[in-house]
N, C-alpha and C. Protein backbone atom coordinates (compact mmCIF):
# COMPACT_ATOMS: atom_id res chain seq x y z
N MET A 1 -107.76 -17.55 53.23
CA MET A 1 -107.00 -16.76 54.20
C MET A 1 -106.91 -15.32 53.70
N THR A 2 -107.15 -14.37 54.58
CA THR A 2 -107.04 -12.97 54.22
C THR A 2 -105.58 -12.59 54.12
N PRO A 3 -105.16 -11.98 53.00
CA PRO A 3 -103.74 -11.61 52.87
C PRO A 3 -103.36 -10.55 53.88
N SER A 4 -102.11 -10.59 54.34
CA SER A 4 -101.62 -9.58 55.27
C SER A 4 -101.46 -8.26 54.55
N PRO A 5 -101.87 -7.17 55.19
CA PRO A 5 -101.70 -5.87 54.54
C PRO A 5 -100.22 -5.55 54.38
N SER A 6 -99.87 -4.88 53.29
CA SER A 6 -98.48 -4.50 53.08
C SER A 6 -98.10 -3.38 54.03
N VAL A 7 -96.81 -3.31 54.33
CA VAL A 7 -96.32 -2.25 55.21
C VAL A 7 -96.41 -0.92 54.46
N PRO A 8 -96.98 0.11 55.07
CA PRO A 8 -97.05 1.41 54.39
C PRO A 8 -95.66 1.95 54.08
N GLY A 9 -95.61 2.87 53.14
CA GLY A 9 -94.35 3.51 52.80
C GLY A 9 -93.78 4.28 53.97
N PRO A 10 -92.56 4.75 53.85
CA PRO A 10 -91.89 5.42 54.97
C PRO A 10 -92.56 6.73 55.36
N ILE A 11 -92.40 7.06 56.62
CA ILE A 11 -92.77 8.39 57.10
C ILE A 11 -91.49 9.22 57.11
N LEU A 12 -91.51 10.32 56.40
CA LEU A 12 -90.32 11.16 56.27
C LEU A 12 -90.39 12.32 57.24
N LEU A 13 -89.42 12.36 58.15
CA LEU A 13 -89.31 13.46 59.11
C LEU A 13 -88.22 14.39 58.59
N VAL A 14 -88.60 15.59 58.20
CA VAL A 14 -87.69 16.49 57.50
C VAL A 14 -87.22 17.61 58.42
N ASN A 15 -85.92 17.68 58.61
CA ASN A 15 -85.31 18.79 59.34
C ASN A 15 -85.07 19.91 58.33
N PRO A 16 -85.81 21.04 58.42
CA PRO A 16 -85.65 22.09 57.42
C PRO A 16 -84.36 22.90 57.54
N ASN A 17 -83.58 22.69 58.60
CA ASN A 17 -82.28 23.34 58.64
C ASN A 17 -81.20 22.34 58.23
N SER A 18 -80.04 22.84 57.91
CA SER A 18 -78.98 22.00 57.35
C SER A 18 -78.02 21.45 58.41
N ASN A 19 -78.40 21.53 59.67
CA ASN A 19 -77.56 21.04 60.76
C ASN A 19 -77.80 19.54 60.95
N GLU A 20 -76.84 18.73 60.53
CA GLU A 20 -76.99 17.28 60.61
C GLU A 20 -77.08 16.78 62.04
N ALA A 21 -76.50 17.52 62.99
CA ALA A 21 -76.58 17.09 64.39
C ALA A 21 -78.02 17.10 64.89
N VAL A 22 -78.82 18.06 64.42
CA VAL A 22 -80.23 18.10 64.79
C VAL A 22 -80.96 16.89 64.21
N THR A 23 -80.65 16.55 62.96
CA THR A 23 -81.28 15.38 62.33
C THR A 23 -80.93 14.11 63.08
N GLU A 24 -79.68 13.99 63.50
CA GLU A 24 -79.26 12.81 64.26
C GLU A 24 -80.01 12.75 65.59
N GLY A 25 -80.22 13.90 66.22
CA GLY A 25 -81.01 13.94 67.45
C GLY A 25 -82.45 13.50 67.22
N MET A 26 -83.00 13.85 66.06
CA MET A 26 -84.35 13.41 65.72
C MET A 26 -84.40 11.89 65.60
N ARG A 27 -83.38 11.31 64.97
CA ARG A 27 -83.33 9.84 64.84
C ARG A 27 -83.34 9.18 66.22
N ASP A 28 -82.54 9.71 67.11
CA ASP A 28 -82.51 9.16 68.47
C ASP A 28 -83.88 9.30 69.14
N ALA A 29 -84.54 10.44 68.91
CA ALA A 29 -85.81 10.72 69.58
C ALA A 29 -86.90 9.75 69.16
N VAL A 30 -86.90 9.32 67.90
CA VAL A 30 -88.00 8.47 67.40
C VAL A 30 -87.62 7.00 67.34
N ALA A 31 -86.41 6.66 67.78
CA ALA A 31 -85.95 5.27 67.68
C ALA A 31 -86.89 4.31 68.41
N ALA A 32 -87.44 4.74 69.53
CA ALA A 32 -88.33 3.87 70.32
C ALA A 32 -89.65 3.58 69.62
N LEU A 33 -89.98 4.35 68.57
CA LEU A 33 -91.24 4.15 67.86
C LEU A 33 -91.13 3.16 66.71
N ALA A 34 -89.92 2.66 66.46
CA ALA A 34 -89.72 1.69 65.38
C ALA A 34 -90.06 0.29 65.86
N PHE A 35 -90.89 -0.42 65.09
CA PHE A 35 -91.20 -1.80 65.43
C PHE A 35 -91.61 -2.56 64.17
N PRO A 36 -91.50 -3.91 64.18
CA PRO A 36 -91.78 -4.69 62.98
C PRO A 36 -93.21 -4.47 62.47
N GLY A 37 -93.34 -4.34 61.16
CA GLY A 37 -94.64 -4.15 60.54
C GLY A 37 -95.09 -2.71 60.45
N ALA A 38 -94.32 -1.80 61.06
CA ALA A 38 -94.66 -0.38 61.02
C ALA A 38 -93.88 0.31 59.91
N PRO A 39 -94.38 1.44 59.42
CA PRO A 39 -93.60 2.20 58.43
C PRO A 39 -92.26 2.63 59.01
N ALA A 40 -91.26 2.68 58.15
CA ALA A 40 -89.96 3.20 58.57
C ALA A 40 -90.08 4.69 58.88
N LEU A 41 -89.33 5.14 59.88
CA LEU A 41 -89.26 6.56 60.22
C LEU A 41 -87.92 7.07 59.73
N ASP A 42 -87.94 7.73 58.58
CA ASP A 42 -86.71 8.20 57.94
C ASP A 42 -86.52 9.69 58.21
N CYS A 43 -85.41 10.03 58.84
CA CYS A 43 -85.12 11.43 59.16
C CYS A 43 -84.19 12.01 58.09
N LEU A 44 -84.62 13.11 57.48
CA LEU A 44 -83.88 13.73 56.39
C LEU A 44 -83.50 15.16 56.75
N THR A 45 -82.40 15.61 56.15
CA THR A 45 -81.96 17.00 56.31
C THR A 45 -82.21 17.75 55.01
N LEU A 46 -82.83 18.91 55.11
CA LEU A 46 -83.05 19.75 53.93
C LEU A 46 -81.75 20.51 53.64
N ALA A 47 -81.01 20.04 52.62
CA ALA A 47 -79.70 20.61 52.34
C ALA A 47 -79.77 22.09 52.00
N GLU A 48 -80.89 22.53 51.42
CA GLU A 48 -81.02 23.93 51.02
C GLU A 48 -81.33 24.86 52.20
N GLY A 49 -81.63 24.29 53.35
CA GLY A 49 -82.05 25.10 54.49
C GLY A 49 -80.90 25.83 55.16
N PRO A 50 -81.20 26.87 55.94
CA PRO A 50 -80.17 27.55 56.73
C PRO A 50 -79.69 26.64 57.85
N PHE A 51 -78.60 27.00 58.50
CA PHE A 51 -78.06 26.15 59.57
C PHE A 51 -79.01 26.07 60.75
N GLY A 52 -79.83 27.10 60.93
CA GLY A 52 -80.87 27.08 61.96
C GLY A 52 -82.01 27.97 61.52
N VAL A 53 -83.24 27.51 61.67
CA VAL A 53 -84.40 28.32 61.32
C VAL A 53 -84.84 29.07 62.57
N GLN A 54 -84.49 30.35 62.64
CA GLN A 54 -84.78 31.14 63.83
C GLN A 54 -85.57 32.42 63.53
N THR A 55 -85.44 32.96 62.32
CA THR A 55 -86.12 34.20 61.97
C THR A 55 -87.28 33.91 61.02
N GLN A 56 -88.15 34.91 60.83
CA GLN A 56 -89.26 34.75 59.90
C GLN A 56 -88.74 34.53 58.47
N VAL A 57 -87.69 35.26 58.09
CA VAL A 57 -87.12 35.09 56.75
C VAL A 57 -86.60 33.68 56.56
N GLU A 58 -85.88 33.15 57.55
CA GLU A 58 -85.37 31.78 57.44
C GLU A 58 -86.51 30.78 57.37
N SER A 59 -87.58 31.03 58.11
CA SER A 59 -88.74 30.16 58.05
C SER A 59 -89.38 30.19 56.67
N ASP A 60 -89.50 31.38 56.09
CA ASP A 60 -90.14 31.51 54.78
C ASP A 60 -89.29 30.90 53.67
N GLN A 61 -87.97 30.98 53.79
CA GLN A 61 -87.13 30.53 52.68
C GLN A 61 -87.10 29.02 52.51
N VAL A 62 -87.57 28.25 53.49
CA VAL A 62 -87.57 26.80 53.34
C VAL A 62 -88.88 26.26 52.77
N VAL A 63 -89.86 27.12 52.54
CA VAL A 63 -91.19 26.65 52.12
C VAL A 63 -91.13 25.94 50.78
N ILE A 64 -90.56 26.57 49.76
CA ILE A 64 -90.53 25.96 48.42
C ILE A 64 -89.68 24.69 48.40
N PRO A 65 -88.47 24.68 48.99
CA PRO A 65 -87.72 23.42 49.03
C PRO A 65 -88.47 22.30 49.74
N LEU A 66 -89.20 22.61 50.80
CA LEU A 66 -89.99 21.58 51.48
C LEU A 66 -91.09 21.04 50.57
N ALA A 67 -91.81 21.94 49.90
CA ALA A 67 -92.88 21.51 49.00
C ALA A 67 -92.32 20.66 47.86
N ASN A 68 -91.17 21.04 47.33
CA ASN A 68 -90.56 20.26 46.26
C ASN A 68 -90.16 18.87 46.74
N LEU A 69 -89.66 18.79 47.97
CA LEU A 69 -89.30 17.48 48.53
C LEU A 69 -90.54 16.60 48.68
N VAL A 70 -91.62 17.18 49.18
CA VAL A 70 -92.86 16.42 49.34
C VAL A 70 -93.34 15.88 47.99
N LYS A 71 -93.30 16.72 46.96
CA LYS A 71 -93.74 16.29 45.63
C LYS A 71 -92.86 15.18 45.08
N SER A 72 -91.59 15.17 45.46
CA SER A 72 -90.65 14.19 44.90
C SER A 72 -90.73 12.82 45.56
N ARG A 73 -91.54 12.67 46.62
CA ARG A 73 -91.60 11.40 47.35
C ARG A 73 -93.03 10.87 47.44
N PRO A 74 -93.58 10.43 46.30
CA PRO A 74 -94.94 9.85 46.34
C PRO A 74 -95.00 8.52 47.06
N ASP A 75 -93.84 7.94 47.38
CA ASP A 75 -93.81 6.67 48.08
C ASP A 75 -94.09 6.82 49.57
N ALA A 76 -94.02 8.03 50.09
CA ALA A 76 -94.15 8.24 51.53
C ALA A 76 -95.60 8.05 51.98
N SER A 77 -95.76 7.57 53.21
CA SER A 77 -97.11 7.45 53.79
C SER A 77 -97.40 8.58 54.76
N GLY A 78 -96.41 9.47 54.96
CA GLY A 78 -96.61 10.63 55.81
C GLY A 78 -95.36 11.48 55.84
N PHE A 79 -95.55 12.76 56.11
CA PHE A 79 -94.44 13.69 56.26
C PHE A 79 -94.57 14.40 57.60
N VAL A 80 -93.43 14.69 58.22
CA VAL A 80 -93.40 15.49 59.44
C VAL A 80 -92.42 16.64 59.21
N ILE A 81 -92.90 17.88 59.34
CA ILE A 81 -92.03 19.05 59.24
C ILE A 81 -91.45 19.31 60.62
N CYS A 82 -90.16 19.07 60.76
CA CYS A 82 -89.52 19.10 62.08
C CYS A 82 -88.86 20.44 62.36
N CYS A 83 -89.66 21.47 62.34
CA CYS A 83 -89.23 22.80 62.75
C CYS A 83 -90.40 23.41 63.49
N TYR A 84 -90.15 23.92 64.70
CA TYR A 84 -91.22 24.44 65.53
C TYR A 84 -91.64 25.80 65.01
N SER A 85 -92.79 25.85 64.41
CA SER A 85 -93.51 26.92 63.72
C SER A 85 -94.06 26.38 62.42
N ASP A 86 -93.71 25.10 62.12
CA ASP A 86 -94.29 24.37 60.99
C ASP A 86 -94.22 25.14 59.68
N PRO A 87 -93.02 25.60 59.27
CA PRO A 87 -92.92 26.35 58.02
C PRO A 87 -93.35 25.51 56.82
N GLY A 88 -94.13 26.13 55.94
CA GLY A 88 -94.53 25.46 54.71
C GLY A 88 -95.59 24.40 54.84
N ILE A 89 -96.24 24.29 56.00
CA ILE A 89 -97.17 23.17 56.18
C ILE A 89 -98.35 23.25 55.22
N ASP A 90 -98.85 24.45 54.94
CA ASP A 90 -99.97 24.57 54.02
C ASP A 90 -99.55 24.27 52.59
N ALA A 91 -98.38 24.76 52.17
CA ALA A 91 -97.88 24.47 50.84
C ALA A 91 -97.64 22.97 50.66
N CYS A 92 -97.06 22.34 51.69
CA CYS A 92 -96.78 20.90 51.60
C CYS A 92 -98.08 20.10 51.54
N ARG A 93 -99.05 20.48 52.33
CA ARG A 93 -100.33 19.76 52.31
C ARG A 93 -101.03 19.92 50.97
N SER A 94 -100.79 21.04 50.29
CA SER A 94 -101.47 21.27 49.01
C SER A 94 -100.93 20.39 47.90
N VAL A 95 -99.71 19.84 48.06
CA VAL A 95 -99.12 19.02 47.00
C VAL A 95 -98.91 17.57 47.43
N ALA A 96 -99.19 17.25 48.68
CA ALA A 96 -98.90 15.90 49.20
C ALA A 96 -100.04 14.93 48.89
N ALA A 97 -99.66 13.68 48.65
CA ALA A 97 -100.64 12.63 48.46
C ALA A 97 -100.91 11.88 49.76
N CYS A 98 -100.32 12.33 50.85
CA CYS A 98 -100.46 11.68 52.15
C CYS A 98 -100.51 12.77 53.21
N PRO A 99 -100.84 12.42 54.46
CA PRO A 99 -100.91 13.44 55.51
C PRO A 99 -99.57 14.10 55.81
N VAL A 100 -99.62 15.39 56.13
CA VAL A 100 -98.43 16.16 56.51
C VAL A 100 -98.67 16.72 57.91
N PHE A 101 -97.73 16.47 58.80
CA PHE A 101 -97.84 16.90 60.19
C PHE A 101 -96.75 17.92 60.50
N GLY A 102 -97.06 18.85 61.39
CA GLY A 102 -96.08 19.82 61.85
C GLY A 102 -95.83 19.61 63.33
N ILE A 103 -94.58 19.80 63.76
CA ILE A 103 -94.29 19.47 65.15
C ILE A 103 -94.88 20.48 66.13
N GLN A 104 -95.12 21.72 65.70
CA GLN A 104 -95.75 22.65 66.65
C GLN A 104 -97.20 22.24 66.90
N GLU A 105 -97.95 22.00 65.84
CA GLU A 105 -99.34 21.57 66.02
C GLU A 105 -99.41 20.34 66.90
N CYS A 106 -98.61 19.32 66.55
CA CYS A 106 -98.69 18.05 67.27
C CYS A 106 -98.19 18.18 68.70
N GLY A 107 -97.15 18.97 68.92
CA GLY A 107 -96.63 19.16 70.26
C GLY A 107 -97.64 19.84 71.17
N VAL A 108 -98.29 20.88 70.65
CA VAL A 108 -99.30 21.59 71.43
C VAL A 108 -100.49 20.69 71.71
N LEU A 109 -100.94 19.94 70.72
CA LEU A 109 -102.08 19.04 70.93
C LEU A 109 -101.75 17.97 71.97
N ALA A 110 -100.52 17.46 71.92
CA ALA A 110 -100.10 16.46 72.91
C ALA A 110 -100.08 17.06 74.30
N ALA A 111 -99.60 18.29 74.42
CA ALA A 111 -99.56 18.94 75.73
C ALA A 111 -100.96 19.15 76.28
N MET A 112 -101.90 19.55 75.42
CA MET A 112 -103.27 19.79 75.88
C MET A 112 -103.99 18.48 76.22
N ALA A 113 -103.49 17.38 75.69
CA ALA A 113 -104.05 16.07 76.08
C ALA A 113 -103.55 15.62 77.44
N ARG A 114 -102.51 16.29 77.95
CA ARG A 114 -101.92 15.91 79.24
C ARG A 114 -102.20 16.92 80.34
N ALA A 115 -102.59 18.14 79.97
CA ALA A 115 -102.73 19.20 80.98
C ALA A 115 -103.69 20.26 80.49
N ASP A 116 -104.21 21.03 81.44
CA ASP A 116 -105.11 22.13 81.08
C ASP A 116 -104.34 23.28 80.45
N ARG A 117 -103.23 23.69 81.08
CA ARG A 117 -102.44 24.82 80.57
C ARG A 117 -101.01 24.35 80.33
N PHE A 118 -100.43 24.85 79.27
CA PHE A 118 -99.09 24.43 78.89
C PHE A 118 -98.20 25.64 78.67
N GLY A 119 -96.90 25.39 78.73
CA GLY A 119 -95.91 26.41 78.43
C GLY A 119 -94.99 25.93 77.33
N VAL A 120 -94.32 26.86 76.68
CA VAL A 120 -93.41 26.54 75.58
C VAL A 120 -92.04 27.14 75.86
N ILE A 121 -91.01 26.33 75.66
CA ILE A 121 -89.63 26.83 75.73
C ILE A 121 -89.18 27.09 74.30
N ALA A 122 -89.00 28.37 73.96
CA ALA A 122 -88.58 28.76 72.62
C ALA A 122 -87.06 28.85 72.54
N ILE A 123 -86.56 28.87 71.31
CA ILE A 123 -85.13 29.04 71.09
C ILE A 123 -84.69 30.46 71.40
N ALA A 124 -85.34 31.43 70.76
CA ALA A 124 -84.92 32.83 70.88
C ALA A 124 -86.15 33.74 70.80
N GLU A 125 -85.98 34.96 71.22
CA GLU A 125 -87.08 35.91 71.29
C GLU A 125 -87.84 36.07 69.96
N PRO A 126 -87.16 36.16 68.80
CA PRO A 126 -87.90 36.32 67.55
C PRO A 126 -88.83 35.16 67.23
N SER A 127 -88.55 33.99 67.79
CA SER A 127 -89.40 32.82 67.52
C SER A 127 -90.76 32.93 68.19
N VAL A 128 -90.82 33.65 69.31
CA VAL A 128 -92.04 33.67 70.12
C VAL A 128 -93.21 34.23 69.34
N ARG A 129 -92.99 35.29 68.58
CA ARG A 129 -94.09 35.90 67.82
C ARG A 129 -94.63 34.92 66.78
N ARG A 130 -93.73 34.23 66.05
CA ARG A 130 -94.18 33.24 65.05
C ARG A 130 -95.02 32.16 65.71
N HIS A 131 -94.56 31.68 66.85
CA HIS A 131 -95.29 30.62 67.54
C HIS A 131 -96.67 31.10 67.99
N ARG A 132 -96.72 32.33 68.50
CA ARG A 132 -97.99 32.88 68.98
C ARG A 132 -98.99 33.05 67.83
N LEU A 133 -98.51 33.52 66.68
CA LEU A 133 -99.40 33.67 65.53
C LEU A 133 -99.99 32.32 65.13
N TYR A 134 -99.18 31.28 65.17
CA TYR A 134 -99.66 29.95 64.80
C TYR A 134 -100.65 29.42 65.85
N MET A 135 -100.36 29.67 67.11
CA MET A 135 -101.28 29.21 68.15
C MET A 135 -102.60 29.97 68.09
N ARG A 136 -102.55 31.24 67.66
CA ARG A 136 -103.79 31.97 67.46
C ARG A 136 -104.61 31.32 66.35
N ARG A 137 -103.94 30.93 65.29
CA ARG A 137 -104.62 30.20 64.20
C ARG A 137 -105.22 28.90 64.71
N MET A 138 -104.51 28.22 65.59
CA MET A 138 -105.02 26.97 66.16
C MET A 138 -106.16 27.20 67.15
N GLY A 139 -106.29 28.43 67.66
CA GLY A 139 -107.34 28.73 68.62
C GLY A 139 -107.06 28.22 70.02
N VAL A 140 -105.77 28.19 70.42
CA VAL A 140 -105.40 27.59 71.70
C VAL A 140 -104.72 28.57 72.65
N LEU A 141 -104.71 29.85 72.33
CA LEU A 141 -103.98 30.80 73.18
C LEU A 141 -104.52 30.86 74.60
N ASP A 142 -105.80 30.53 74.78
CA ASP A 142 -106.34 30.56 76.14
C ASP A 142 -105.82 29.41 77.00
N ARG A 143 -105.17 28.43 76.38
CA ARG A 143 -104.57 27.32 77.13
C ARG A 143 -103.07 27.54 77.36
N LEU A 144 -102.51 28.58 76.76
CA LEU A 144 -101.08 28.86 76.89
C LEU A 144 -100.81 29.65 78.16
N ALA A 145 -100.02 29.06 79.06
CA ALA A 145 -99.64 29.77 80.29
C ALA A 145 -98.51 30.74 80.04
N GLY A 146 -97.64 30.45 79.08
CA GLY A 146 -96.53 31.34 78.77
C GLY A 146 -95.55 30.70 77.82
N GLU A 147 -94.72 31.52 77.22
CA GLU A 147 -93.62 31.04 76.37
C GLU A 147 -92.40 31.89 76.69
N ILE A 148 -91.28 31.23 76.97
CA ILE A 148 -90.05 31.91 77.35
C ILE A 148 -88.92 31.40 76.47
N PRO A 149 -88.12 32.30 75.90
CA PRO A 149 -87.00 31.86 75.05
C PRO A 149 -85.75 31.52 75.84
N LEU A 150 -84.98 30.57 75.32
CA LEU A 150 -83.66 30.27 75.88
C LEU A 150 -82.65 31.34 75.48
N ASN A 151 -82.91 31.97 74.31
CA ASN A 151 -81.96 32.89 73.70
C ASN A 151 -80.63 32.20 73.42
N MET A 152 -80.78 31.06 72.73
CA MET A 152 -79.64 30.27 72.23
C MET A 152 -79.86 30.02 70.74
N THR A 153 -78.83 29.53 70.06
CA THR A 153 -78.99 29.09 68.68
C THR A 153 -79.55 27.67 68.69
N VAL A 154 -80.01 27.21 67.53
CA VAL A 154 -80.50 25.84 67.41
C VAL A 154 -79.40 24.85 67.78
N ALA A 155 -78.18 25.11 67.30
CA ALA A 155 -77.06 24.21 67.59
C ALA A 155 -76.77 24.16 69.09
N GLU A 156 -76.81 25.32 69.75
CA GLU A 156 -76.55 25.36 71.19
C GLU A 156 -77.63 24.62 71.97
N SER A 157 -78.88 24.71 71.52
CA SER A 157 -79.96 24.03 72.23
C SER A 157 -79.80 22.52 72.18
N HIS A 158 -79.14 22.03 71.14
CA HIS A 158 -78.94 20.59 71.00
C HIS A 158 -77.79 20.10 71.87
N SER A 159 -76.67 20.80 71.82
CA SER A 159 -75.48 20.25 72.47
C SER A 159 -74.59 21.28 73.14
N GLY A 160 -75.11 22.49 73.35
CA GLY A 160 -74.28 23.53 73.95
C GLY A 160 -74.04 23.33 75.43
N GLU A 161 -72.94 23.89 75.91
CA GLU A 161 -72.61 23.81 77.33
C GLU A 161 -73.62 24.64 78.13
N GLY A 162 -74.15 24.06 79.17
CA GLY A 162 -75.10 24.77 80.01
C GLY A 162 -76.53 24.75 79.51
N THR A 163 -76.80 24.01 78.42
CA THR A 163 -78.15 24.00 77.85
C THR A 163 -79.16 23.43 78.82
N PHE A 164 -78.83 22.30 79.45
CA PHE A 164 -79.81 21.68 80.34
C PHE A 164 -80.14 22.58 81.52
N ALA A 165 -79.13 23.22 82.07
CA ALA A 165 -79.37 24.12 83.20
C ALA A 165 -80.30 25.26 82.80
N ARG A 166 -80.11 25.79 81.60
CA ARG A 166 -80.97 26.86 81.12
C ARG A 166 -82.39 26.34 80.87
N LEU A 167 -82.52 25.14 80.33
CA LEU A 167 -83.84 24.54 80.14
C LEU A 167 -84.56 24.37 81.48
N GLU A 168 -83.83 23.91 82.47
CA GLU A 168 -84.43 23.72 83.78
C GLU A 168 -84.87 25.06 84.38
N GLU A 169 -84.06 26.08 84.20
CA GLU A 169 -84.41 27.41 84.70
C GLU A 169 -85.68 27.94 84.04
N VAL A 170 -85.73 27.87 82.71
CA VAL A 170 -86.90 28.37 81.98
C VAL A 170 -88.13 27.52 82.28
N GLY A 171 -87.95 26.21 82.35
CA GLY A 171 -89.07 25.33 82.69
C GLY A 171 -89.66 25.68 84.04
N GLY A 172 -88.80 25.97 85.02
CA GLY A 172 -89.29 26.36 86.34
C GLY A 172 -90.07 27.66 86.30
N GLN A 173 -89.63 28.61 85.47
CA GLN A 173 -90.35 29.87 85.32
C GLN A 173 -91.73 29.64 84.71
N LEU A 174 -91.81 28.74 83.74
CA LEU A 174 -93.10 28.45 83.11
C LEU A 174 -94.05 27.76 84.08
N ILE A 175 -93.54 26.88 84.91
CA ILE A 175 -94.37 26.25 85.92
C ILE A 175 -94.90 27.29 86.90
N ALA A 176 -94.05 28.25 87.26
CA ALA A 176 -94.49 29.33 88.15
C ALA A 176 -95.58 30.18 87.51
N GLN A 177 -95.62 30.23 86.19
CA GLN A 177 -96.66 30.98 85.48
C GLN A 177 -97.94 30.17 85.28
N GLY A 178 -97.93 28.91 85.73
CA GLY A 178 -99.13 28.09 85.64
C GLY A 178 -99.08 26.95 84.65
N SER A 179 -97.93 26.70 84.05
CA SER A 179 -97.81 25.60 83.09
C SER A 179 -97.86 24.26 83.80
N GLU A 180 -98.71 23.38 83.32
CA GLU A 180 -98.82 22.02 83.87
C GLU A 180 -98.19 21.00 82.94
N ALA A 181 -97.75 21.43 81.77
CA ALA A 181 -96.98 20.63 80.83
C ALA A 181 -96.10 21.61 80.05
N ILE A 182 -94.96 21.11 79.58
CA ILE A 182 -94.00 21.95 78.87
C ILE A 182 -93.76 21.36 77.49
N VAL A 183 -93.80 22.21 76.47
CA VAL A 183 -93.46 21.80 75.11
C VAL A 183 -92.09 22.35 74.77
N LEU A 184 -91.21 21.49 74.26
CA LEU A 184 -89.90 21.92 73.81
C LEU A 184 -90.05 22.53 72.42
N GLY A 185 -89.79 23.83 72.29
CA GLY A 185 -90.10 24.54 71.07
C GLY A 185 -89.04 24.51 70.01
N CYS A 186 -88.39 23.36 69.83
CA CYS A 186 -87.38 23.21 68.77
C CYS A 186 -87.04 21.72 68.65
N ALA A 187 -86.84 21.26 67.42
CA ALA A 187 -86.48 19.85 67.21
C ALA A 187 -85.13 19.52 67.81
N GLY A 188 -84.28 20.54 68.02
CA GLY A 188 -82.95 20.28 68.55
C GLY A 188 -82.88 19.99 70.03
N MET A 189 -83.99 20.10 70.74
CA MET A 189 -83.99 19.90 72.19
C MET A 189 -84.34 18.47 72.61
N ALA A 190 -84.59 17.58 71.66
CA ALA A 190 -85.15 16.26 71.97
C ALA A 190 -84.35 15.48 73.00
N ARG A 191 -83.05 15.57 72.95
CA ARG A 191 -82.21 14.75 73.84
C ARG A 191 -82.40 15.10 75.31
N HIS A 192 -82.96 16.27 75.60
CA HIS A 192 -83.11 16.72 76.98
C HIS A 192 -84.47 16.40 77.58
N ARG A 193 -85.40 15.83 76.80
CA ARG A 193 -86.79 15.70 77.25
C ARG A 193 -86.92 14.89 78.54
N LYS A 194 -86.38 13.68 78.56
CA LYS A 194 -86.58 12.79 79.70
C LYS A 194 -85.96 13.37 80.97
N GLY A 195 -84.73 13.85 80.88
CA GLY A 195 -84.09 14.41 82.06
C GLY A 195 -84.81 15.63 82.59
N LEU A 196 -85.32 16.45 81.68
CA LEU A 196 -86.03 17.65 82.11
C LEU A 196 -87.36 17.30 82.76
N GLU A 197 -88.05 16.31 82.22
CA GLU A 197 -89.31 15.87 82.82
C GLU A 197 -89.07 15.33 84.23
N ASP A 198 -88.02 14.54 84.38
CA ASP A 198 -87.69 14.01 85.71
C ASP A 198 -87.38 15.14 86.69
N ARG A 199 -86.70 16.17 86.23
CA ARG A 199 -86.28 17.25 87.10
C ARG A 199 -87.45 18.19 87.44
N LEU A 200 -88.31 18.46 86.47
CA LEU A 200 -89.39 19.43 86.69
C LEU A 200 -90.63 18.81 87.33
N GLY A 201 -90.85 17.52 87.12
CA GLY A 201 -92.01 16.86 87.71
C GLY A 201 -93.32 17.11 86.98
N VAL A 202 -93.27 17.61 85.74
CA VAL A 202 -94.47 17.78 84.92
C VAL A 202 -94.18 17.15 83.56
N PRO A 203 -95.23 16.82 82.77
CA PRO A 203 -94.97 16.26 81.44
C PRO A 203 -94.18 17.24 80.58
N VAL A 204 -93.16 16.71 79.93
CA VAL A 204 -92.39 17.49 78.96
C VAL A 204 -92.56 16.82 77.60
N ILE A 205 -93.05 17.58 76.64
CA ILE A 205 -93.39 17.05 75.33
C ILE A 205 -92.29 17.38 74.33
N ASP A 206 -91.69 16.35 73.73
CA ASP A 206 -90.84 16.57 72.57
C ASP A 206 -91.74 16.55 71.34
N PRO A 207 -91.85 17.65 70.60
CA PRO A 207 -92.82 17.70 69.52
C PRO A 207 -92.49 16.79 68.35
N VAL A 208 -91.20 16.43 68.17
CA VAL A 208 -90.85 15.48 67.12
C VAL A 208 -91.45 14.12 67.43
N GLN A 209 -91.32 13.68 68.68
CA GLN A 209 -91.92 12.41 69.07
C GLN A 209 -93.44 12.45 68.95
N ALA A 210 -94.04 13.57 69.36
CA ALA A 210 -95.50 13.69 69.29
C ALA A 210 -95.98 13.60 67.85
N ALA A 211 -95.31 14.30 66.94
CA ALA A 211 -95.72 14.30 65.54
C ALA A 211 -95.45 12.95 64.88
N ALA A 212 -94.30 12.34 65.20
CA ALA A 212 -93.98 11.03 64.62
C ALA A 212 -94.99 9.98 65.05
N ALA A 213 -95.39 10.02 66.32
CA ALA A 213 -96.39 9.06 66.81
C ALA A 213 -97.73 9.25 66.10
N MET A 214 -98.12 10.50 65.88
CA MET A 214 -99.38 10.76 65.20
C MET A 214 -99.31 10.32 63.74
N ALA A 215 -98.19 10.60 63.07
CA ALA A 215 -98.02 10.19 61.69
C ALA A 215 -98.01 8.66 61.57
N LEU A 216 -97.37 8.01 62.52
CA LEU A 216 -97.26 6.56 62.49
C LEU A 216 -98.62 5.89 62.63
N THR A 217 -99.39 6.30 63.62
CA THR A 217 -100.70 5.68 63.81
C THR A 217 -101.64 6.00 62.65
N THR A 218 -101.53 7.21 62.11
CA THR A 218 -102.37 7.56 60.97
C THR A 218 -102.06 6.69 59.76
N ALA A 219 -100.77 6.49 59.48
CA ALA A 219 -100.37 5.67 58.33
C ALA A 219 -100.85 4.22 58.49
N MET A 220 -100.72 3.68 59.68
CA MET A 220 -101.11 2.28 59.90
C MET A 220 -102.62 2.12 59.83
N LEU A 221 -103.37 3.08 60.35
CA LEU A 221 -104.82 2.98 60.27
C LEU A 221 -105.32 3.17 58.85
N ARG A 222 -104.66 4.04 58.08
CA ARG A 222 -105.05 4.22 56.68
C ARG A 222 -104.79 2.93 55.89
N ALA A 223 -103.67 2.25 56.21
CA ALA A 223 -103.33 1.02 55.49
C ALA A 223 -104.28 -0.11 55.84
N ALA A 224 -104.80 -0.07 57.08
CA ALA A 224 -105.69 -1.16 57.53
C ALA A 224 -107.14 -0.94 57.12
N ALA A 225 -107.48 0.28 56.75
CA ALA A 225 -108.89 0.60 56.43
C ALA A 225 -109.38 -0.16 55.21
């Protein structure tokens, strides 16, 4: 009898900001992906991170703590950087013994698998430039219909009053610009995905779910190879 393959080590989804409410939202977002025989999806908060990663400086300051965390967990079968702009992804990949995924890359790829042109809902205006630079690196700017900021904090995007109404407003503007799918440009927006998709009538991609699904299938296929 062929022995059953062992379950791969956990996939660590790391929230680079120190807002525990965002991490809890990530847990809720990936709960449906948990099933027997699959790697555990463990959501962690980077204690050294700022309360919200919104500026280039805040994005840069989490790179070394993220890389150190990756080095400290050789038991993991995958890592997901749960900040839209994927801070530290190259540094983490350089020290990781397993695949490292970023939610911006995975969210954009998932959107392009569902539609020709996509739009992004950003947190704030300063985030848009970082996202555009990364999409230029990915070579996908010709598929981007537009990106519009909410001009809210990360905390407000998760649970602020009027957040859903603002998401619906910005999503409608992106559809008017030609977006056939919408990417939520922050890990803190996950709780709004299903309701927004129902309201807008186009695919709405939560990038945490997209990256977790990619990490999960990669880990299981690597274990089965």
